Amino acid sequence: MKLVRWVVNATIKRLTRLICHVDSAQLERVPTQGPLILVANHVNFLEVPLLYTHLQPRRLTGFVKTETWNNPLLRVLFTLWDAIPLSRQQVDMSAMRLALSKLDAGHMLAIAPEGTRSGNGHLQRGFPGVVMLALRSGVPVLPLGHHGVENYRRDWARLRRPDFHIAVGRPFHLDPGADKVTSAVRQQMVDEIMFQIAGLLPPAYRGFYSDTAAATERYLRFV
């Protein structure tokens, strides 16, 4: 299985570098081992194989919508990648428990707090599911922002490779301090996380988090 995974990952990584110009230098800032929650923006389908294969050989997992397993090819691929099926119809506590067990085992967990693709690369407001995982696990959170492949159709039509720029921020822990973790506090926490991602993107991509003057760091404890 390890050989199969290596061959599949190497093939996909080479393919992504053929169809995109990948600026991956900052991925060196991602630890090579140890539990970590990697939070990133969600633009389209291209980012998943790009980021996953370029983060290898790190022990990485992430949430993938359960409907993906209806596709035989994608079911094989995401099973090989040890992805966690996530039902988006309700709060999927079984997926959350599995994610916590992966973190306990030293894996890195990739999460897109937006919950769905933006398509245009503009940040949407984050959902607070990541807050529960960060608080319960106690592991650091590392923001990652990427842009460039939102116009892949236009670029490919012009026979050019789209640029895929990756920026990695500073790790931090979430800490409520003496505050009770209410729904409002959870939303503020995820907004603070999203502002960290926004700071890694050019202004045109910051979307809901364009007003950086409104950014706070009340619940962030930088490592």
N, C-alpha and C. Protein backbone atom coordinates (compact mmCIF):
# COMPACT_ATOMS: atom_id res chain seq x y z
N MET A 1 0.82 -1.21 0.00
CA MET A 1 0.00 0.00 0.00
C MET A 1 0.86 1.27 0.00
N LYS A 2 1.97 1.24 0.75
CA LYS A 2 2.86 2.41 0.77
C LYS A 2 3.43 2.69 -0.62
N LEU A 3 3.76 1.61 -1.34
CA LEU A 3 4.29 1.79 -2.69
C LEU A 3 3.23 2.35 -3.62
N VAL A 4 2.00 1.84 -3.51
CA VAL A 4 0.90 2.35 -4.33
C VAL A 4 0.68 3.83 -4.04
N ARG A 5 0.65 4.18 -2.76
CA ARG A 5 0.44 5.58 -2.38
C ARG A 5 1.56 6.46 -2.93
N TRP A 6 2.80 5.99 -2.85
CA TRP A 6 3.93 6.78 -3.36
C TRP A 6 3.82 6.98 -4.87
N VAL A 7 3.48 5.94 -5.59
CA VAL A 7 3.36 6.03 -7.05
C VAL A 7 2.23 6.99 -7.43
N VAL A 8 1.08 6.86 -6.77
CA VAL A 8 -0.06 7.73 -7.07
C VAL A 8 0.28 9.18 -6.76
N ASN A 9 0.86 9.44 -5.59
CA ASN A 9 1.20 10.80 -5.22
C ASN A 9 2.24 11.41 -6.15
N ALA A 10 3.25 10.65 -6.50
CA ALA A 10 4.30 11.15 -7.39
C ALA A 10 3.73 11.47 -8.77
N THR A 11 2.83 10.62 -9.24
CA THR A 11 2.22 10.84 -10.55
C THR A 11 1.36 12.10 -10.56
N ILE A 12 0.51 12.23 -9.52
CA ILE A 12 -0.37 13.40 -9.45
C ILE A 12 0.44 14.68 -9.26
N LYS A 13 1.47 14.62 -8.44
CA LYS A 13 2.31 15.81 -8.23
C LYS A 13 2.96 16.24 -9.54
N ARG A 14 3.47 15.29 -10.29
CA ARG A 14 4.11 15.63 -11.57
C ARG A 14 3.07 16.21 -12.54
N LEU A 15 1.87 15.63 -12.53
CA LEU A 15 0.82 16.13 -13.42
C LEU A 15 0.43 17.56 -13.04
N THR A 16 0.28 17.83 -11.74
CA THR A 16 -0.10 19.18 -11.34
C THR A 16 0.96 20.21 -11.72
N ARG A 17 2.22 19.80 -11.71
CA ARG A 17 3.29 20.73 -12.08
C ARG A 17 3.38 20.91 -13.59
N LEU A 18 2.79 19.99 -14.34
CA LEU A 18 2.72 20.14 -15.79
C LEU A 18 1.62 21.11 -16.19
N ILE A 19 0.51 21.10 -15.44
CA ILE A 19 -0.64 21.93 -15.83
C ILE A 19 -0.71 23.24 -15.04
N CYS A 20 0.11 23.37 -13.99
CA CYS A 20 0.13 24.61 -13.20
C CYS A 20 1.58 24.96 -12.87
N HIS A 21 1.82 26.24 -12.70
CA HIS A 21 3.11 26.69 -12.20
C HIS A 21 2.98 26.84 -10.69
N VAL A 22 3.58 25.94 -9.94
CA VAL A 22 3.36 25.87 -8.49
C VAL A 22 4.49 26.56 -7.73
N ASP A 23 4.14 27.60 -7.02
CA ASP A 23 5.09 28.32 -6.17
C ASP A 23 4.94 27.77 -4.75
N SER A 24 5.71 26.72 -4.43
CA SER A 24 5.52 25.97 -3.19
C SER A 24 6.62 26.19 -2.16
N ALA A 25 7.47 27.18 -2.36
CA ALA A 25 8.64 27.36 -1.49
C ALA A 25 8.25 27.51 -0.03
N GLN A 26 7.13 28.20 0.24
CA GLN A 26 6.77 28.46 1.64
C GLN A 26 6.24 27.22 2.36
N LEU A 27 5.98 26.15 1.64
CA LEU A 27 5.55 24.92 2.32
C LEU A 27 6.65 24.38 3.23
N GLU A 28 7.87 24.87 3.06
CA GLU A 28 8.95 24.48 3.97
C GLU A 28 8.68 24.96 5.39
N ARG A 29 7.77 25.92 5.54
CA ARG A 29 7.43 26.43 6.86
C ARG A 29 6.44 25.52 7.60
N VAL A 30 5.89 24.55 6.90
CA VAL A 30 4.98 23.60 7.54
C VAL A 30 5.81 22.52 8.20
N PRO A 31 5.61 22.26 9.49
CA PRO A 31 6.40 21.21 10.17
C PRO A 31 6.32 19.88 9.43
N THR A 32 7.36 19.10 9.53
CA THR A 32 7.39 17.82 8.83
C THR A 32 6.69 16.72 9.61
N GLN A 33 6.45 16.94 10.90
CA GLN A 33 5.77 15.93 11.70
C GLN A 33 5.09 16.58 12.89
N GLY A 34 4.26 15.80 13.54
CA GLY A 34 3.55 16.29 14.72
C GLY A 34 2.15 16.75 14.38
N PRO A 35 1.25 16.72 15.37
CA PRO A 35 -0.14 17.13 15.13
C PRO A 35 -0.25 18.62 14.84
N LEU A 36 -1.14 18.94 13.91
CA LEU A 36 -1.28 20.32 13.46
C LEU A 36 -2.61 20.44 12.74
N ILE A 37 -3.30 21.57 12.93
CA ILE A 37 -4.48 21.88 12.13
C ILE A 37 -4.07 22.93 11.10
N LEU A 38 -4.13 22.54 9.84
CA LEU A 38 -3.75 23.41 8.73
C LEU A 38 -5.03 24.01 8.15
N VAL A 39 -5.21 25.32 8.29
CA VAL A 39 -6.42 25.98 7.80
C VAL A 39 -6.09 26.75 6.52
N ALA A 40 -6.95 26.60 5.53
CA ALA A 40 -6.69 27.21 4.23
C ALA A 40 -7.99 27.67 3.58
N ASN A 41 -7.88 28.56 2.62
CA ASN A 41 -9.04 28.95 1.83
C ASN A 41 -9.38 27.85 0.82
N HIS A 42 -10.61 27.88 0.34
CA HIS A 42 -11.11 26.81 -0.54
C HIS A 42 -11.62 27.45 -1.82
N VAL A 43 -10.89 27.26 -2.93
CA VAL A 43 -11.22 27.92 -4.19
C VAL A 43 -11.91 26.97 -5.16
N ASN A 44 -11.24 25.86 -5.50
CA ASN A 44 -11.82 24.88 -6.43
C ASN A 44 -11.17 23.52 -6.24
N PHE A 45 -11.47 22.59 -7.13
CA PHE A 45 -11.00 21.21 -6.96
C PHE A 45 -9.50 21.06 -7.12
N LEU A 46 -8.83 22.00 -7.77
CA LEU A 46 -7.40 21.84 -8.07
C LEU A 46 -6.52 21.91 -6.83
N GLU A 47 -6.95 22.66 -5.83
CA GLU A 47 -6.07 22.88 -4.67
C GLU A 47 -5.81 21.60 -3.88
N VAL A 48 -6.79 20.69 -3.86
CA VAL A 48 -6.64 19.48 -3.04
C VAL A 48 -5.48 18.61 -3.52
N PRO A 49 -5.45 18.17 -4.78
CA PRO A 49 -4.29 17.38 -5.22
C PRO A 49 -2.99 18.16 -5.20
N LEU A 50 -3.05 19.46 -5.48
CA LEU A 50 -1.85 20.29 -5.45
C LEU A 50 -1.25 20.32 -4.05
N LEU A 51 -2.05 20.68 -3.08
CA LEU A 51 -1.54 20.83 -1.72
C LEU A 51 -1.19 19.48 -1.10
N TYR A 52 -2.05 18.48 -1.30
CA TYR A 52 -1.80 17.18 -0.68
C TYR A 52 -0.48 16.59 -1.16
N THR A 53 -0.27 16.57 -2.46
CA THR A 53 0.94 15.92 -2.98
C THR A 53 2.19 16.74 -2.67
N HIS A 54 2.06 18.06 -2.62
CA HIS A 54 3.24 18.88 -2.32
C HIS A 54 3.57 18.92 -0.83
N LEU A 55 2.63 18.46 0.01
CA LEU A 55 2.91 18.38 1.44
C LEU A 55 3.44 17.01 1.86
N GLN A 56 3.49 16.09 0.93
CA GLN A 56 4.05 14.77 1.25
C GLN A 56 5.56 14.90 1.50
N PRO A 57 6.13 14.04 2.39
CA PRO A 57 5.54 12.83 2.99
C PRO A 57 4.91 13.07 4.36
N ARG A 58 4.44 14.28 4.65
CA ARG A 58 3.79 14.53 5.93
C ARG A 58 2.55 13.65 6.07
N ARG A 59 2.24 13.27 7.31
CA ARG A 59 1.04 12.46 7.59
C ARG A 59 -0.15 13.41 7.63
N LEU A 60 -0.86 13.48 6.52
CA LEU A 60 -1.89 14.50 6.33
C LEU A 60 -3.24 13.84 6.06
N THR A 61 -4.26 14.38 6.67
CA THR A 61 -5.63 13.97 6.38
C THR A 61 -6.48 15.22 6.31
N GLY A 62 -7.73 15.05 5.92
CA GLY A 62 -8.63 16.20 5.83
C GLY A 62 -10.05 15.74 5.59
N PHE A 63 -10.98 16.67 5.71
CA PHE A 63 -12.38 16.38 5.49
C PHE A 63 -12.72 16.43 4.00
N VAL A 64 -13.53 15.48 3.57
CA VAL A 64 -14.04 15.46 2.19
C VAL A 64 -15.52 15.11 2.26
N LYS A 65 -16.34 15.83 1.54
CA LYS A 65 -17.79 15.60 1.61
C LYS A 65 -18.13 14.14 1.25
N THR A 66 -19.09 13.58 1.93
CA THR A 66 -19.43 12.17 1.78
C THR A 66 -19.85 11.83 0.35
N GLU A 67 -20.44 12.80 -0.36
CA GLU A 67 -20.89 12.53 -1.73
C GLU A 67 -19.75 12.13 -2.65
N THR A 68 -18.53 12.51 -2.28
CA THR A 68 -17.36 12.18 -3.10
C THR A 68 -17.19 10.67 -3.24
N TRP A 69 -17.58 9.94 -2.20
CA TRP A 69 -17.43 8.48 -2.22
C TRP A 69 -18.39 7.80 -3.19
N ASN A 70 -19.34 8.56 -3.78
CA ASN A 70 -20.22 8.00 -4.80
C ASN A 70 -19.52 7.84 -6.14
N ASN A 71 -18.39 8.53 -6.30
CA ASN A 71 -17.59 8.41 -7.52
C ASN A 71 -16.54 7.32 -7.29
N PRO A 72 -16.58 6.21 -8.07
CA PRO A 72 -15.66 5.08 -7.82
C PRO A 72 -14.19 5.48 -7.84
N LEU A 73 -13.79 6.33 -8.79
CA LEU A 73 -12.39 6.72 -8.88
C LEU A 73 -11.98 7.58 -7.70
N LEU A 74 -12.81 8.57 -7.35
CA LEU A 74 -12.48 9.44 -6.23
C LEU A 74 -12.56 8.69 -4.91
N ARG A 75 -13.45 7.71 -4.83
CA ARG A 75 -13.53 6.90 -3.61
C ARG A 75 -12.22 6.18 -3.36
N VAL A 76 -11.63 5.62 -4.42
CA VAL A 76 -10.34 4.93 -4.27
C VAL A 76 -9.25 5.92 -3.89
N LEU A 77 -9.24 7.08 -4.55
CA LEU A 77 -8.19 8.07 -4.30
C LEU A 77 -8.25 8.61 -2.88
N PHE A 78 -9.43 9.02 -2.42
CA PHE A 78 -9.51 9.62 -1.10
C PHE A 78 -9.41 8.59 0.02
N THR A 79 -9.74 7.35 -0.28
CA THR A 79 -9.48 6.29 0.69
C THR A 79 -7.98 6.08 0.82
N LEU A 80 -7.28 6.11 -0.31
CA LEU A 80 -5.83 5.99 -0.30
C LEU A 80 -5.19 7.15 0.46
N TRP A 81 -5.81 8.32 0.36
CA TRP A 81 -5.29 9.50 1.05
C TRP A 81 -5.77 9.60 2.50
N ASP A 82 -6.51 8.59 2.96
CA ASP A 82 -6.96 8.54 4.35
C ASP A 82 -7.83 9.75 4.71
N ALA A 83 -8.65 10.18 3.76
CA ALA A 83 -9.53 11.32 3.99
C ALA A 83 -10.68 10.93 4.92
N ILE A 84 -11.27 11.94 5.56
CA ILE A 84 -12.37 11.73 6.50
C ILE A 84 -13.68 12.15 5.85
N PRO A 85 -14.61 11.21 5.61
CA PRO A 85 -15.91 11.59 5.03
C PRO A 85 -16.69 12.50 5.98
N LEU A 86 -17.23 13.58 5.44
CA LEU A 86 -17.95 14.55 6.25
C LEU A 86 -19.32 14.82 5.66
N SER A 87 -20.36 14.59 6.45
CA SER A 87 -21.72 14.93 6.03
C SER A 87 -21.96 16.41 6.27
N ARG A 88 -22.38 17.10 5.23
CA ARG A 88 -22.61 18.54 5.36
C ARG A 88 -24.07 18.86 5.68
N GLN A 89 -24.88 17.83 5.86
CA GLN A 89 -26.30 18.04 6.14
C GLN A 89 -26.55 18.35 7.61
N GLN A 90 -25.57 18.02 8.46
CA GLN A 90 -25.73 18.22 9.89
C GLN A 90 -24.34 18.27 10.52
N VAL A 91 -24.29 18.54 11.82
CA VAL A 91 -23.01 18.49 12.52
C VAL A 91 -22.60 17.01 12.61
N ASP A 92 -21.53 16.67 11.93
CA ASP A 92 -21.10 15.26 11.82
C ASP A 92 -20.13 14.94 12.95
N MET A 93 -20.68 14.51 14.08
CA MET A 93 -19.84 14.26 15.25
C MET A 93 -18.92 13.06 15.06
N SER A 94 -19.33 12.06 14.27
CA SER A 94 -18.46 10.91 14.03
C SER A 94 -17.22 11.35 13.26
N ALA A 95 -17.39 12.27 12.29
CA ALA A 95 -16.24 12.79 11.55
C ALA A 95 -15.34 13.60 12.48
N MET A 96 -15.95 14.38 13.39
CA MET A 96 -15.16 15.18 14.32
C MET A 96 -14.35 14.27 15.25
N ARG A 97 -14.98 13.20 15.75
CA ARG A 97 -14.26 12.28 16.63
C ARG A 97 -13.11 11.60 15.89
N LEU A 98 -13.33 11.23 14.64
CA LEU A 98 -12.26 10.61 13.85
C LEU A 98 -11.12 11.60 13.63
N ALA A 99 -11.47 12.85 13.38
CA ALA A 99 -10.44 13.88 13.19
C ALA A 99 -9.61 14.06 14.46
N LEU A 100 -10.27 14.07 15.61
CA LEU A 100 -9.54 14.20 16.88
C LEU A 100 -8.62 13.01 17.12
N SER A 101 -9.08 11.81 16.73
CA SER A 101 -8.22 10.63 16.89
C SER A 101 -7.01 10.71 15.98
N LYS A 102 -7.19 11.28 14.79
CA LYS A 102 -6.05 11.45 13.87
C LYS A 102 -5.04 12.43 14.47
N LEU A 103 -5.52 13.51 15.06
CA LEU A 103 -4.63 14.47 15.70
C LEU A 103 -3.91 13.83 16.87
N ASP A 104 -4.63 13.04 17.65
CA ASP A 104 -4.01 12.33 18.78
C ASP A 104 -2.89 11.41 18.31
N ALA A 105 -3.04 10.86 17.09
CA ALA A 105 -2.04 9.95 16.54
C ALA A 105 -0.89 10.69 15.86
N GLY A 106 -0.92 12.04 15.89
CA GLY A 106 0.19 12.81 15.33
C GLY A 106 0.02 13.25 13.90
N HIS A 107 -1.19 13.08 13.34
CA HIS A 107 -1.43 13.50 11.96
C HIS A 107 -1.65 15.01 11.89
N MET A 108 -1.50 15.55 10.69
CA MET A 108 -1.91 16.90 10.39
C MET A 108 -3.30 16.84 9.76
N LEU A 109 -4.14 17.79 10.13
CA LEU A 109 -5.52 17.83 9.65
C LEU A 109 -5.73 19.11 8.86
N ALA A 110 -6.10 18.97 7.59
CA ALA A 110 -6.35 20.13 6.73
C ALA A 110 -7.84 20.47 6.77
N ILE A 111 -8.15 21.73 6.99
CA ILE A 111 -9.53 22.19 7.08
C ILE A 111 -9.70 23.48 6.28
N ALA A 112 -10.82 23.57 5.56
CA ALA A 112 -11.20 24.81 4.90
C ALA A 112 -12.39 25.38 5.66
N PRO A 113 -12.19 26.35 6.56
CA PRO A 113 -13.29 26.85 7.39
C PRO A 113 -14.45 27.43 6.59
N GLU A 114 -14.22 27.82 5.34
CA GLU A 114 -15.32 28.34 4.52
C GLU A 114 -16.38 27.27 4.25
N GLY A 115 -15.96 26.00 4.26
CA GLY A 115 -16.91 24.92 4.10
C GLY A 115 -17.27 24.57 2.68
N THR A 116 -17.11 25.49 1.75
CA THR A 116 -17.43 25.22 0.35
C THR A 116 -16.54 26.07 -0.54
N ARG A 117 -16.45 25.68 -1.80
CA ARG A 117 -15.58 26.41 -2.73
C ARG A 117 -16.13 27.80 -3.02
N SER A 118 -15.21 28.75 -3.13
CA SER A 118 -15.62 30.09 -3.53
C SER A 118 -15.72 30.22 -5.04
N GLY A 119 -14.89 29.48 -5.76
CA GLY A 119 -14.89 29.55 -7.22
C GLY A 119 -14.07 30.72 -7.74
N ASN A 120 -14.26 31.90 -7.16
CA ASN A 120 -13.55 33.09 -7.64
C ASN A 120 -12.34 33.45 -6.79
N GLY A 121 -12.11 32.69 -5.71
CA GLY A 121 -10.94 32.95 -4.87
C GLY A 121 -11.16 33.98 -3.79
N HIS A 122 -12.36 34.59 -3.72
CA HIS A 122 -12.64 35.60 -2.70
C HIS A 122 -13.09 34.90 -1.42
N LEU A 123 -12.48 35.26 -0.29
CA LEU A 123 -12.80 34.60 0.97
C LEU A 123 -14.26 34.78 1.35
N GLN A 124 -14.86 33.66 1.77
CA GLN A 124 -16.20 33.67 2.33
C GLN A 124 -16.08 33.61 3.85
N ARG A 125 -17.17 33.88 4.54
CA ARG A 125 -17.09 33.85 6.00
C ARG A 125 -16.88 32.41 6.48
N GLY A 126 -16.02 32.24 7.48
CA GLY A 126 -15.71 30.92 8.00
C GLY A 126 -16.76 30.40 8.95
N PHE A 127 -16.88 29.07 9.02
CA PHE A 127 -17.76 28.40 9.98
C PHE A 127 -16.92 27.93 11.17
N PRO A 128 -17.52 27.87 12.37
CA PRO A 128 -16.72 27.64 13.57
C PRO A 128 -16.40 26.18 13.91
N GLY A 129 -16.63 25.23 13.01
CA GLY A 129 -16.31 23.84 13.32
C GLY A 129 -14.85 23.63 13.68
N VAL A 130 -13.96 24.36 13.05
CA VAL A 130 -12.53 24.24 13.33
C VAL A 130 -12.21 24.64 14.77
N VAL A 131 -13.01 25.53 15.33
CA VAL A 131 -12.76 26.01 16.70
C VAL A 131 -12.87 24.86 17.69
N MET A 132 -13.92 24.04 17.56
CA MET A 132 -14.10 22.91 18.46
C MET A 132 -12.90 21.97 18.39
N LEU A 133 -12.43 21.68 17.19
CA LEU A 133 -11.29 20.77 17.04
C LEU A 133 -10.03 21.37 17.65
N ALA A 134 -9.81 22.65 17.43
CA ALA A 134 -8.60 23.28 17.97
C ALA A 134 -8.63 23.33 19.49
N LEU A 135 -9.80 23.64 20.07
CA LEU A 135 -9.89 23.74 21.52
C LEU A 135 -9.80 22.36 22.18
N ARG A 136 -10.46 21.37 21.61
CA ARG A 136 -10.45 20.04 22.21
C ARG A 136 -9.11 19.34 22.06
N SER A 137 -8.46 19.55 20.94
CA SER A 137 -7.18 18.86 20.71
C SER A 137 -6.01 19.59 21.35
N GLY A 138 -6.09 20.93 21.40
CA GLY A 138 -4.99 21.72 21.95
C GLY A 138 -3.79 21.83 21.02
N VAL A 139 -3.93 21.38 19.78
CA VAL A 139 -2.79 21.42 18.85
C VAL A 139 -2.73 22.80 18.18
N PRO A 140 -1.56 23.18 17.68
CA PRO A 140 -1.44 24.48 17.02
C PRO A 140 -2.20 24.52 15.70
N VAL A 141 -2.56 25.72 15.32
CA VAL A 141 -3.25 26.00 14.06
C VAL A 141 -2.28 26.77 13.17
N LEU A 142 -2.19 26.37 11.91
CA LEU A 142 -1.29 27.04 10.98
C LEU A 142 -2.08 27.52 9.77
N PRO A 143 -2.12 28.84 9.51
CA PRO A 143 -2.86 29.36 8.36
C PRO A 143 -2.07 29.26 7.06
N LEU A 144 -2.79 28.95 6.00
CA LEU A 144 -2.19 28.86 4.67
C LEU A 144 -3.15 29.54 3.68
N GLY A 145 -2.60 30.39 2.84
CA GLY A 145 -3.40 31.05 1.81
C GLY A 145 -2.84 30.76 0.43
N HIS A 146 -3.72 30.57 -0.52
CA HIS A 146 -3.26 30.30 -1.89
C HIS A 146 -4.17 31.04 -2.88
N HIS A 147 -3.61 31.36 -4.01
CA HIS A 147 -4.40 32.01 -5.05
C HIS A 147 -3.74 31.77 -6.40
N GLY A 148 -4.52 31.96 -7.46
CA GLY A 148 -3.99 31.87 -8.81
C GLY A 148 -4.74 30.91 -9.72
N VAL A 149 -5.28 29.82 -9.15
CA VAL A 149 -5.92 28.82 -10.02
C VAL A 149 -7.42 29.08 -10.20
N GLU A 150 -7.92 30.19 -9.65
CA GLU A 150 -9.34 30.48 -9.84
C GLU A 150 -9.67 30.76 -11.31
N ASN A 151 -8.67 31.12 -12.10
CA ASN A 151 -8.89 31.40 -13.53
C ASN A 151 -8.28 30.32 -14.41
N TYR A 152 -8.27 29.08 -13.92
CA TYR A 152 -7.58 28.01 -14.66
C TYR A 152 -8.20 27.77 -16.03
N ARG A 153 -9.52 27.87 -16.17
CA ARG A 153 -10.15 27.64 -17.47
C ARG A 153 -9.66 28.65 -18.50
N ARG A 154 -9.64 29.91 -18.09
CA ARG A 154 -9.16 30.97 -19.00
C ARG A 154 -7.71 30.75 -19.37
N ASP A 155 -6.88 30.40 -18.39
CA ASP A 155 -5.46 30.22 -18.64
C ASP A 155 -5.22 29.02 -19.56
N TRP A 156 -5.89 27.91 -19.28
CA TRP A 156 -5.71 26.73 -20.13
C TRP A 156 -6.20 26.99 -21.55
N ALA A 157 -7.27 27.77 -21.69
CA ALA A 157 -7.78 28.11 -23.03
C ALA A 157 -6.75 28.92 -23.81
N ARG A 158 -5.91 29.64 -23.09
CA ARG A 158 -4.85 30.43 -23.72
C ARG A 158 -3.53 29.67 -23.78
N LEU A 159 -3.60 28.37 -23.46
CA LEU A 159 -2.44 27.48 -23.50
C LEU A 159 -1.32 27.96 -22.57
N ARG A 160 -1.71 28.44 -21.42
CA ARG A 160 -0.72 28.83 -20.43
C ARG A 160 -1.06 28.16 -19.10
N ARG A 161 -0.03 27.95 -18.30
CA ARG A 161 -0.23 27.33 -17.00
C ARG A 161 -0.63 28.39 -15.97
N PRO A 162 -1.71 28.15 -15.23
CA PRO A 162 -2.05 29.11 -14.17
C PRO A 162 -1.02 29.04 -13.04
N ASP A 163 -0.78 30.18 -12.42
CA ASP A 163 0.13 30.23 -11.27
C ASP A 163 -0.63 29.82 -10.01
N PHE A 164 0.03 29.00 -9.18
CA PHE A 164 -0.56 28.60 -7.90
C PHE A 164 0.39 29.07 -6.81
N HIS A 165 0.04 30.21 -6.21
CA HIS A 165 0.89 30.82 -5.19
C HIS A 165 0.45 30.34 -3.80
N ILE A 166 1.41 29.93 -2.99
CA ILE A 166 1.13 29.44 -1.64
C ILE A 166 1.89 30.30 -0.63
N ALA A 167 1.18 30.77 0.39
CA ALA A 167 1.82 31.52 1.49
C ALA A 167 1.43 30.86 2.81
N VAL A 168 2.39 30.73 3.71
CA VAL A 168 2.17 30.09 5.00
C VAL A 168 2.43 31.10 6.11
N GLY A 169 1.52 31.17 7.06
CA GLY A 169 1.63 32.15 8.13
C GLY A 169 2.29 31.62 9.38
N ARG A 170 1.95 32.24 10.52
CA ARG A 170 2.53 31.87 11.81
C ARG A 170 1.59 30.93 12.57
N PRO A 171 2.12 29.91 13.22
CA PRO A 171 1.25 29.01 14.00
C PRO A 171 0.79 29.68 15.29
N PHE A 172 -0.36 29.26 15.76
CA PHE A 172 -0.91 29.79 17.00
C PHE A 172 -1.83 28.75 17.64
N HIS A 173 -2.10 28.94 18.93
CA HIS A 173 -3.11 28.17 19.63
C HIS A 173 -4.34 29.05 19.84
N LEU A 174 -5.51 28.44 19.90
CA LEU A 174 -6.71 29.15 20.29
C LEU A 174 -6.83 29.06 21.81
N ASP A 175 -7.09 30.19 22.44
CA ASP A 175 -7.18 30.23 23.90
C ASP A 175 -8.31 31.17 24.30
N PRO A 176 -9.40 30.62 24.87
CA PRO A 176 -10.50 31.50 25.27
C PRO A 176 -10.21 32.30 26.53
N GLY A 177 -9.12 31.96 27.23
CA GLY A 177 -8.84 32.65 28.48
C GLY A 177 -9.95 32.42 29.48
N ALA A 178 -10.41 33.49 30.08
CA ALA A 178 -11.47 33.39 31.08
C ALA A 178 -12.86 33.49 30.45
N ASP A 179 -12.92 33.68 29.14
CA ASP A 179 -14.21 33.86 28.48
C ASP A 179 -14.95 32.53 28.31
N LYS A 180 -16.24 32.56 28.49
CA LYS A 180 -17.07 31.39 28.21
C LYS A 180 -17.17 31.24 26.70
N VAL A 181 -17.02 30.00 26.21
CA VAL A 181 -17.01 29.77 24.76
C VAL A 181 -18.46 29.68 24.27
N THR A 182 -19.05 30.82 24.03
CA THR A 182 -20.41 30.92 23.50
C THR A 182 -20.34 30.84 21.97
N SER A 183 -21.50 30.81 21.33
CA SER A 183 -21.53 30.79 19.87
C SER A 183 -20.90 32.07 19.30
N ALA A 184 -21.10 33.19 19.99
CA ALA A 184 -20.49 34.45 19.53
C ALA A 184 -18.98 34.40 19.64
N VAL A 185 -18.47 33.82 20.72
CA VAL A 185 -17.02 33.69 20.89
C VAL A 185 -16.45 32.75 19.85
N ARG A 186 -17.14 31.63 19.58
CA ARG A 186 -16.66 30.71 18.54
C ARG A 186 -16.58 31.39 17.19
N GLN A 187 -17.59 32.22 16.88
CA GLN A 187 -17.55 32.92 15.60
C GLN A 187 -16.42 33.92 15.55
N GLN A 188 -16.17 34.62 16.68
CA GLN A 188 -15.05 35.56 16.70
C GLN A 188 -13.73 34.82 16.52
N MET A 189 -13.62 33.64 17.13
CA MET A 189 -12.40 32.85 16.98
C MET A 189 -12.16 32.47 15.52
N VAL A 190 -13.20 31.99 14.85
CA VAL A 190 -13.00 31.59 13.46
C VAL A 190 -12.76 32.81 12.58
N ASP A 191 -13.37 33.94 12.91
CA ASP A 191 -13.09 35.16 12.15
C ASP A 191 -11.62 35.58 12.33
N GLU A 192 -11.09 35.42 13.54
CA GLU A 192 -9.68 35.74 13.76
C GLU A 192 -8.78 34.79 12.96
N ILE A 193 -9.18 33.53 12.87
CA ILE A 193 -8.43 32.58 12.04
C ILE A 193 -8.48 33.00 10.57
N MET A 194 -9.67 33.37 10.12
CA MET A 194 -9.82 33.74 8.71
C MET A 194 -9.06 35.01 8.37
N PHE A 195 -8.97 35.94 9.32
CA PHE A 195 -8.18 37.16 9.07
C PHE A 195 -6.70 36.81 8.91
N GLN A 196 -6.24 35.75 9.60
CA GLN A 196 -4.86 35.31 9.41
C GLN A 196 -4.64 34.79 8.00
N ILE A 197 -5.63 34.06 7.47
CA ILE A 197 -5.55 33.60 6.07
C ILE A 197 -5.61 34.80 5.13
N ALA A 198 -6.52 35.73 5.42
CA ALA A 198 -6.67 36.91 4.56
C ALA A 198 -5.36 37.69 4.45
N GLY A 199 -4.62 37.76 5.55
CA GLY A 199 -3.35 38.49 5.53
C GLY A 199 -2.31 37.86 4.65
N LEU A 200 -2.52 36.61 4.26
CA LEU A 200 -1.58 35.91 3.38
C LEU A 200 -1.95 36.07 1.90
N LEU A 201 -3.08 36.70 1.64
CA LEU A 201 -3.58 36.84 0.27
C LEU A 201 -3.48 38.29 -0.20
N PRO A 202 -3.36 38.51 -1.51
CA PRO A 202 -3.44 39.87 -2.02
C PRO A 202 -4.81 40.47 -1.67
N PRO A 203 -4.89 41.79 -1.49
CA PRO A 203 -6.16 42.42 -1.09
C PRO A 203 -7.37 42.03 -1.93
N ALA A 204 -7.19 41.81 -3.21
CA ALA A 204 -8.32 41.51 -4.09
C ALA A 204 -8.99 40.18 -3.76
N TYR A 205 -8.31 39.32 -3.01
CA TYR A 205 -8.85 37.99 -2.70
C TYR A 205 -9.42 37.88 -1.28
N ARG A 206 -9.40 38.93 -0.52
CA ARG A 206 -9.75 38.83 0.90
C ARG A 206 -11.25 38.78 1.16
N GLY A 207 -12.06 39.15 0.18
CA GLY A 207 -13.49 38.97 0.25
C GLY A 207 -14.13 39.49 1.53
N PHE A 208 -14.82 38.60 2.26
CA PHE A 208 -15.52 38.96 3.49
C PHE A 208 -14.57 39.58 4.51
N TYR A 209 -13.29 39.25 4.40
CA TYR A 209 -12.29 39.71 5.39
C TYR A 209 -11.40 40.81 4.81
N SER A 210 -11.98 41.62 3.92
CA SER A 210 -11.21 42.70 3.28
C SER A 210 -10.85 43.82 4.25
N ASP A 211 -11.68 44.05 5.24
CA ASP A 211 -11.44 45.14 6.18
C ASP A 211 -10.48 44.65 7.26
N THR A 212 -9.19 44.67 6.95
CA THR A 212 -8.20 44.16 7.90
C THR A 212 -8.10 45.02 9.15
N ALA A 213 -8.61 46.24 9.10
CA ALA A 213 -8.62 47.09 10.30
C ALA A 213 -9.55 46.52 11.36
N ALA A 214 -10.48 45.65 10.94
CA ALA A 214 -11.41 45.03 11.88
C ALA A 214 -10.87 43.74 12.47
N ALA A 215 -9.69 43.33 12.03
CA ALA A 215 -9.10 42.08 12.52
C ALA A 215 -8.71 42.19 13.99
N THR A 216 -8.97 41.12 14.74
CA THR A 216 -8.56 41.05 16.14
C THR A 216 -7.74 39.78 16.35
N GLU A 217 -7.03 39.73 17.46
CA GLU A 217 -6.23 38.54 17.81
C GLU A 217 -6.46 38.19 19.28
N ARG A 218 -7.65 38.48 19.77
CA ARG A 218 -7.96 38.30 21.19
C ARG A 218 -7.73 36.85 21.65
N TYR A 219 -8.09 35.89 20.80
CA TYR A 219 -8.03 34.49 21.21
C TYR A 219 -6.87 33.71 20.58
N LEU A 220 -5.96 34.42 19.95
CA LEU A 220 -4.81 33.76 19.31
C LEU A 220 -3.58 33.89 20.18
N ARG A 221 -2.90 32.78 20.40
CA ARG A 221 -1.64 32.78 21.15
C ARG A 221 -0.57 32.24 20.21
N PHE A 222 0.22 33.14 19.63
CA PHE A 222 1.18 32.73 18.62
C PHE A 222 2.33 31.94 19.23
N VAL A 223 2.73 30.90 18.52
CA VAL A 223 3.81 30.02 18.98
C VAL A 223 5.12 30.74 18.75
